[in-house]
Amino acid sequence: MAVSPELLEILICPACKAKVQLTSDGQGLRCVGCGLVYPVRDDIPVMLVDEARREGGS
């Protein structure tokens, strides 16, 4: 896993402040509240709303 469990425990969605979970492919973090998916690049989560996409597409 690219993102450590300790980091996942403290990360929250900057848009709605809900918890995030690693996606099944490990390439993103999905917000459990609003459904935005934040990319993980070079093992670093990019927690910027402008970089996020809606789950399943755009």
C-alpha atoms as a PDB file:
ATOM      1  CA  MET A   1       0.000   0.000   0.000  1.00  0.00           C
ATOM      2  CA  ALA A   2       1.332   3.385  -0.987  1.00  0.00           C
ATOM      3  CA  VAL A   3      -0.334   5.448   1.758  1.00  0.00           C
ATOM      4  CA  SER A   4       0.414   4.476   5.352  1.00  0.00           C
ATOM      5  CA  PRO A   5      -2.474   3.512   7.647  1.00  0.00           C
ATOM      6  CA  GLU A   6      -1.365   6.201  10.118  1.00  0.00           C
ATOM      7  CA  LEU A   7      -1.731   8.888   7.457  1.00  0.00           C
ATOM      8  CA  LEU A   8      -5.134   7.560   6.385  1.00  0.00           C
ATOM      9  CA  GLU A   9      -6.355   7.906   9.969  1.00  0.00           C
ATOM     10  CA  ILE A  10      -5.714  11.662  10.031  1.00  0.00           C
ATOM     11  CA  LEU A  11      -6.592  12.669   6.461  1.00  0.00           C
ATOM     12  CA  ILE A  12      -9.986  14.241   5.821  1.00  0.00           C
ATOM     13  CA  CYS A  13     -11.690  15.587   2.730  1.00  0.00           C
ATOM     14  CA  PRO A  14     -10.977  19.312   2.369  1.00  0.00           C
ATOM     15  CA  ALA A  15     -14.410  19.835   0.777  1.00  0.00           C
ATOM     16  CA  CYS A  16     -16.706  18.286   3.403  1.00  0.00           C
ATOM     17  CA  LYS A  17     -14.348  17.237   6.263  1.00  0.00           C
ATOM     18  CA  ALA A  18     -15.353  13.536   6.124  1.00  0.00           C
ATOM     19  CA  LYS A  19     -12.925  10.592   6.313  1.00  0.00           C
ATOM     20  CA  VAL A  20     -11.221   9.270   3.175  1.00  0.00           C
ATOM     21  CA  GLN A  21     -10.522   5.665   2.195  1.00  0.00           C
ATOM     22  CA  LEU A  22      -7.996   4.198  -0.213  1.00  0.00           C
ATOM     23  CA  THR A  23      -9.591   3.185  -3.520  1.00  0.00           C
ATOM     24  CA  SER A  24      -9.467  -0.461  -4.548  1.00  0.00           C
ATOM     25  CA  ASP A  25      -6.708   0.201  -7.090  1.00  0.00           C
ATOM     26  CA  GLY A  26      -4.653   2.232  -4.585  1.00  0.00           C
ATOM     27  CA  GLN A  27      -4.433   5.195  -6.947  1.00  0.00           C
ATOM     28  CA  GLY A  28      -6.718   7.516  -5.030  1.00  0.00           C
ATOM     29  CA  LEU A  29      -8.471   8.421  -1.799  1.00  0.00           C
ATOM     30  CA  ARG A  30     -12.278   8.424  -1.872  1.00  0.00           C
ATOM     31  CA  CYS A  31     -14.261  10.627   0.481  1.00  0.00           C
ATOM     32  CA  VAL A  32     -16.964   8.680   2.312  1.00  0.00           C
ATOM     33  CA  GLY A  33     -19.075  11.834   2.568  1.00  0.00           C
ATOM     34  CA  CYS A  34     -19.173  13.583  -0.791  1.00  0.00           C
ATOM     35  CA  GLY A  35     -17.613  10.903  -3.018  1.00  0.00           C
ATOM     36  CA  LEU A  36     -14.740  12.968  -4.387  1.00  0.00           C
ATOM     37  CA  VAL A  37     -11.648  10.948  -5.285  1.00  0.00           C
ATOM     38  CA  TYR A  38      -8.285  12.579  -4.632  1.00  0.00           C
ATOM     39  CA  PRO A  39      -5.300  11.264  -6.606  1.00  0.00           C
ATOM     40  CA  VAL A  40      -2.215   9.669  -5.075  1.00  0.00           C
ATOM     41  CA  ARG A  41       0.919  10.595  -7.028  1.00  0.00           C
ATOM     42  CA  ASP A  42       4.326   9.135  -6.178  1.00  0.00           C
ATOM     43  CA  ASP A  43       2.862   7.813  -2.904  1.00  0.00           C
ATOM     44  CA  ILE A  44       1.724  11.337  -1.920  1.00  0.00           C
ATOM     45  CA  PRO A  45      -1.999  12.145  -1.571  1.00  0.00           C
ATOM     46  CA  VAL A  46      -2.959  15.295  -3.487  1.00  0.00           C
ATOM     47  CA  MET A  47      -5.686  16.671  -1.240  1.00  0.00           C
ATOM     48  CA  LEU A  48      -6.734  19.609  -3.422  1.00  0.00           C
ATOM     49  CA  VAL A  49     -10.394  19.989  -4.387  1.00  0.00           C
ATOM     50  CA  ASP A  50      -9.347  21.228  -7.840  1.00  0.00           C
ATOM     51  CA  GLU A  51      -7.433  17.961  -8.421  1.00  0.00           C
ATOM     52  CA  ALA A  52     -10.268  15.700  -7.227  1.00  0.00           C
ATOM     53  CA  ARG A  53     -12.730  13.927  -9.511  1.00  0.00           C
ATOM     54  CA  ARG A  54     -16.162  12.481  -8.964  1.00  0.00           C
ATOM     55  CA  GLU A  55     -16.169   8.727  -8.454  1.00  0.00           C
ATOM     56  CA  GLY A  56     -16.821   6.844 -11.674  1.00  0.00           C
ATOM     57  CA  GLY A  57     -15.808   9.547 -14.111  1.00  0.00           C
ATOM     58  CA  SER A  58     -14.897  13.166 -14.544  1.00  0.00           C
END
